[in-house]
Amino acid sequence: MAALAATTLATPASTGQISKTIHLRAHVPVYCNVGWFPQIGAVSTGGTVDLGVTEELCNAPRGYRVILQHPTDVPDAAIVIDANRIPLSDSGETVLSDSDRPGFHVRQLAIDVGSDPEKLSHLGLRIEAKY
């Protein structure tokens, strides 16, 4: 991401005004990170498990996606983000957030284990910048 800024510095003078322009150019590398702070608890009566919070940060100008990696063939299982239920994809990867701009978000995460909780052997998070 490139940034260009110009500023005018004016110094009043008794006979006239002097102005100067400074051009500043900087290159900021794209940085994206997703952190998961687990608070794993017992399965509630509704079949959900609190997984803690995630923090996603990405400065990519075109945005980013956060993806949950999970086992395939987990019938009726879903991820719950800030009280929004998202069914798990059959592919083993489910998009949790899809942004078209840079951002920072903290989200509550839980999982509805579905009808066959033994199949939920692993979970992982990844973030992808959009270029």
C-alpha atoms as a PDB file:
ATOM      1  CA  MET A   1       0.000   0.000   0.000  1.00  0.00           C
ATOM      2  CA  ALA A   2       1.548   3.310  -0.976  1.00  0.00           C
ATOM      3  CA  ALA A   3       0.747   6.568   0.731  1.00  0.00           C
ATOM      4  CA  LEU A   4       1.385  10.043  -0.623  1.00  0.00           C
ATOM      5  CA  ALA A   5       0.962  13.151   1.461  1.00  0.00           C
ATOM      6  CA  ALA A   6       1.620  16.784   0.706  1.00  0.00           C
ATOM      7  CA  THR A   7       1.624  19.586   3.197  1.00  0.00           C
ATOM      8  CA  THR A   8       2.177  23.285   2.846  1.00  0.00           C
ATOM      9  CA  LEU A   9       4.240  25.137   5.388  1.00  0.00           C
ATOM     10  CA  ALA A  10       3.626  28.840   5.425  1.00  0.00           C
ATOM     11  CA  THR A  11       5.758  31.383   7.224  1.00  0.00           C
ATOM     12  CA  PRO A  12       4.396  34.897   7.334  1.00  0.00           C
ATOM     13  CA  ALA A  13       6.861  37.552   6.243  1.00  0.00           C
ATOM     14  CA  SER A  14       6.658  41.282   6.497  1.00  0.00           C
ATOM     15  CA  THR A  15       6.926  41.776   2.741  1.00  0.00           C
ATOM     16  CA  GLY A  16       5.260  38.593   1.470  1.00  0.00           C
ATOM     17  CA  GLN A  17       4.423  35.009   2.178  1.00  0.00           C
ATOM     18  CA  ILE A  18       6.757  32.060   1.632  1.00  0.00           C
ATOM     19  CA  SER A  19       5.290  28.610   1.119  1.00  0.00           C
ATOM     20  CA  LYS A  20       6.936  25.242   0.737  1.00  0.00           C
ATOM     21  CA  THR A  21       5.575  21.847  -0.222  1.00  0.00           C
ATOM     22  CA  ILE A  22       6.882  18.585   1.161  1.00  0.00           C
ATOM     23  CA  HIS A  23       6.045  15.320  -0.613  1.00  0.00           C
ATOM     24  CA  LEU A  24       6.192  12.156   1.444  1.00  0.00           C
ATOM     25  CA  ARG A  25       5.944   8.693  -0.043  1.00  0.00           C
ATOM     26  CA  ALA A  26       5.865   5.476   1.972  1.00  0.00           C
ATOM     27  CA  HIS A  27       5.379   1.793   1.252  1.00  0.00           C
ATOM     28  CA  VAL A  28       3.448  -0.133   3.896  1.00  0.00           C
ATOM     29  CA  PRO A  29       3.613  -3.921   3.534  1.00  0.00           C
ATOM     30  CA  VAL A  30       0.409  -5.934   3.789  1.00  0.00           C
ATOM     31  CA  TYR A  31       0.036  -7.522   7.213  1.00  0.00           C
ATOM     32  CA  CYS A  32      -2.747  -9.908   8.198  1.00  0.00           C
ATOM     33  CA  ASN A  33      -3.077 -11.939  11.377  1.00  0.00           C
ATOM     34  CA  VAL A  34      -5.816 -13.921  13.070  1.00  0.00           C
ATOM     35  CA  GLY A  35      -5.479 -14.909  16.710  1.00  0.00           C
ATOM     36  CA  TRP A  36      -7.601 -17.425  18.560  1.00  0.00           C
ATOM     37  CA  PHE A  37      -7.866 -17.214  22.332  1.00  0.00           C
ATOM     38  CA  PRO A  38      -9.642 -20.425  23.356  1.00  0.00           C
ATOM     39  CA  GLN A  39     -11.885 -20.778  26.364  1.00  0.00           C
ATOM     40  CA  ILE A  40     -13.058 -24.283  25.681  1.00  0.00           C
ATOM     41  CA  GLY A  41     -15.971 -25.285  27.858  1.00  0.00           C
ATOM     42  CA  ALA A  42     -18.385 -28.158  28.208  1.00  0.00           C
ATOM     43  CA  VAL A  43     -21.125 -28.843  25.691  1.00  0.00           C
ATOM     44  CA  SER A  44     -24.218 -26.850  26.635  1.00  0.00           C
ATOM     45  CA  THR A  45     -27.735 -28.261  26.602  1.00  0.00           C
ATOM     46  CA  GLY A  46     -28.153 -26.762  23.127  1.00  0.00           C
ATOM     47  CA  GLY A  47     -25.154 -28.729  21.825  1.00  0.00           C
ATOM     48  CA  THR A  48     -22.797 -25.751  21.484  1.00  0.00           C
ATOM     49  CA  VAL A  49     -19.291 -25.376  22.890  1.00  0.00           C
ATOM     50  CA  ASP A  50     -17.779 -21.957  23.664  1.00  0.00           C
ATOM     51  CA  LEU A  51     -14.469 -21.680  21.802  1.00  0.00           C
ATOM     52  CA  GLY A  52     -13.398 -18.249  23.079  1.00  0.00           C
ATOM     53  CA  VAL A  53     -12.646 -15.208  20.947  1.00  0.00           C
ATOM     54  CA  THR A  54     -10.809 -14.451  17.734  1.00  0.00           C
ATOM     55  CA  GLU A  55      -8.982 -11.255  16.833  1.00  0.00           C
ATOM     56  CA  GLU A  56      -8.553 -10.541  13.145  1.00  0.00           C
ATOM     57  CA  LEU A  57      -6.349  -7.754  11.834  1.00  0.00           C
ATOM     58  CA  CYS A  58      -5.527  -7.047   8.206  1.00  0.00           C
ATOM     59  CA  ASN A  59      -4.411  -3.883   6.431  1.00  0.00           C
ATOM     60  CA  ALA A  60      -4.866  -5.217   2.864  1.00  0.00           C
ATOM     61  CA  PRO A  61      -6.530  -2.419   0.850  1.00  0.00           C
ATOM     62  CA  ARG A  62      -8.906  -4.844  -0.898  1.00  0.00           C
ATOM     63  CA  GLY A  63      -9.827  -6.716   2.279  1.00  0.00           C
ATOM     64  CA  TYR A  64      -9.404 -10.233   3.585  1.00  0.00           C
ATOM     65  CA  ARG A  65     -11.127 -13.518   4.439  1.00  0.00           C
ATOM     66  CA  VAL A  66     -10.971 -15.575   7.631  1.00  0.00           C
ATOM     67  CA  ILE A  67     -11.386 -19.312   7.047  1.00  0.00           C
ATOM     68  CA  LEU A  68     -12.127 -22.085   9.540  1.00  0.00           C
ATOM     69  CA  GLN A  69     -10.452 -25.401   8.706  1.00  0.00           C
ATOM     70  CA  HIS A  70     -12.349 -28.429   9.997  1.00  0.00           C
ATOM     71  CA  PRO A  71     -13.042 -32.100   9.202  1.00  0.00           C
ATOM     72  CA  THR A  72     -15.303 -32.933   6.279  1.00  0.00           C
ATOM     73  CA  ASP A  73     -18.585 -34.783   6.668  1.00  0.00           C
ATOM     74  CA  VAL A  74     -19.738 -33.299   9.965  1.00  0.00           C
ATOM     75  CA  PRO A  75     -23.532 -33.438   9.634  1.00  0.00           C
ATOM     76  CA  ASP A  76     -25.526 -30.627  11.236  1.00  0.00           C
ATOM     77  CA  ALA A  77     -22.405 -29.010  12.719  1.00  0.00           C
ATOM     78  CA  ALA A  78     -22.092 -25.233  12.545  1.00  0.00           C
ATOM     79  CA  ILE A  79     -19.843 -22.457  13.758  1.00  0.00           C
ATOM     80  CA  VAL A  80     -21.475 -19.647  15.737  1.00  0.00           C
ATOM     81  CA  ILE A  81     -19.850 -16.218  15.412  1.00  0.00           C
ATOM     82  CA  ASP A  82     -21.300 -13.366  17.467  1.00  0.00           C
ATOM     83  CA  ALA A  83     -24.598 -15.319  17.687  1.00  0.00           C
ATOM     84  CA  ASN A  84     -24.717 -15.897  13.881  1.00  0.00           C
ATOM     85  CA  ARG A  85     -24.880 -19.588  12.944  1.00  0.00           C
ATOM     86  CA  ILE A  86     -22.887 -20.674   9.852  1.00  0.00           C
ATOM     87  CA  PRO A  87     -23.203 -24.340   8.752  1.00  0.00           C
ATOM     88  CA  LEU A  88     -19.845 -26.066   8.226  1.00  0.00           C
ATOM     89  CA  SER A  89     -18.952 -26.646   4.582  1.00  0.00           C
ATOM     90  CA  ASP A  90     -18.547 -30.162   3.172  1.00  0.00           C
ATOM     91  CA  SER A  91     -15.174 -29.062   1.745  1.00  0.00           C
ATOM     92  CA  GLY A  92     -13.511 -28.802   5.162  1.00  0.00           C
ATOM     93  CA  GLU A  93     -13.156 -25.005   4.930  1.00  0.00           C
ATOM     94  CA  THR A  94     -15.818 -22.506   5.966  1.00  0.00           C
ATOM     95  CA  VAL A  95     -15.512 -18.737   5.437  1.00  0.00           C
ATOM     96  CA  LEU A  96     -16.102 -16.971   8.755  1.00  0.00           C
ATOM     97  CA  SER A  97     -15.687 -13.401   7.546  1.00  0.00           C
ATOM     98  CA  ASP A  98     -15.204 -11.807   4.140  1.00  0.00           C
ATOM     99  CA  SER A  99     -14.283  -8.127   4.157  1.00  0.00           C
ATOM    100  CA  ASP A 100     -13.722  -5.782   1.223  1.00  0.00           C
ATOM    101  CA  ARG A 101     -11.581  -3.385   3.274  1.00  0.00           C
ATOM    102  CA  PRO A 102      -8.873  -3.420   5.938  1.00  0.00           C
ATOM    103  CA  GLY A 103     -10.120  -4.053   9.444  1.00  0.00           C
ATOM    104  CA  PHE A 104      -9.752  -5.182  13.020  1.00  0.00           C
ATOM    105  CA  HIS A 105     -12.461  -7.283  14.678  1.00  0.00           C
ATOM    106  CA  VAL A 106     -12.864  -9.269  17.882  1.00  0.00           C
ATOM    107  CA  ARG A 107     -15.472 -12.018  17.580  1.00  0.00           C
ATOM    108  CA  GLN A 108     -17.071 -14.528  19.964  1.00  0.00           C
ATOM    109  CA  LEU A 109     -16.725 -18.078  18.668  1.00  0.00           C
ATOM    110  CA  ALA A 110     -18.691 -21.222  19.519  1.00  0.00           C
ATOM    111  CA  ILE A 111     -19.415 -24.460  17.713  1.00  0.00           C
ATOM    112  CA  ASP A 112     -22.617 -26.437  17.407  1.00  0.00           C
ATOM    113  CA  VAL A 113     -21.244 -29.976  17.395  1.00  0.00           C
ATOM    114  CA  GLY A 114     -24.135 -31.433  15.399  1.00  0.00           C
ATOM    115  CA  SER A 115     -25.272 -35.047  15.401  1.00  0.00           C
ATOM    116  CA  ASP A 116     -21.805 -36.660  15.292  1.00  0.00           C
ATOM    117  CA  PRO A 117     -19.437 -34.688  17.582  1.00  0.00           C
ATOM    118  CA  GLU A 118     -16.714 -37.367  17.460  1.00  0.00           C
ATOM    119  CA  LYS A 119     -15.930 -36.295  13.882  1.00  0.00           C
ATOM    120  CA  LEU A 120     -14.864 -32.814  15.033  1.00  0.00           C
ATOM    121  CA  SER A 121     -11.279 -33.889  15.634  1.00  0.00           C
ATOM    122  CA  HIS A 122      -9.547 -30.616  14.728  1.00  0.00           C
ATOM    123  CA  LEU A 123     -10.212 -26.930  14.050  1.00  0.00           C
ATOM    124  CA  GLY A 124      -7.896 -24.272  12.643  1.00  0.00           C
ATOM    125  CA  LEU A 125      -8.074 -20.654  11.494  1.00  0.00           C
ATOM    126  CA  ARG A 126      -6.361 -18.932   8.598  1.00  0.00           C
ATOM    127  CA  ILE A 127      -6.533 -15.414   7.165  1.00  0.00           C
ATOM    128  CA  GLU A 128      -6.054 -14.529   3.483  1.00  0.00           C
ATOM    129  CA  ALA A 129      -5.408 -11.045   2.123  1.00  0.00           C
ATOM    130  CA  LYS A 130      -7.225 -10.066  -1.076  1.00  0.00           C
ATOM    131  CA  TYR A 131      -4.738  -8.694  -3.604  1.00  0.00           C
END
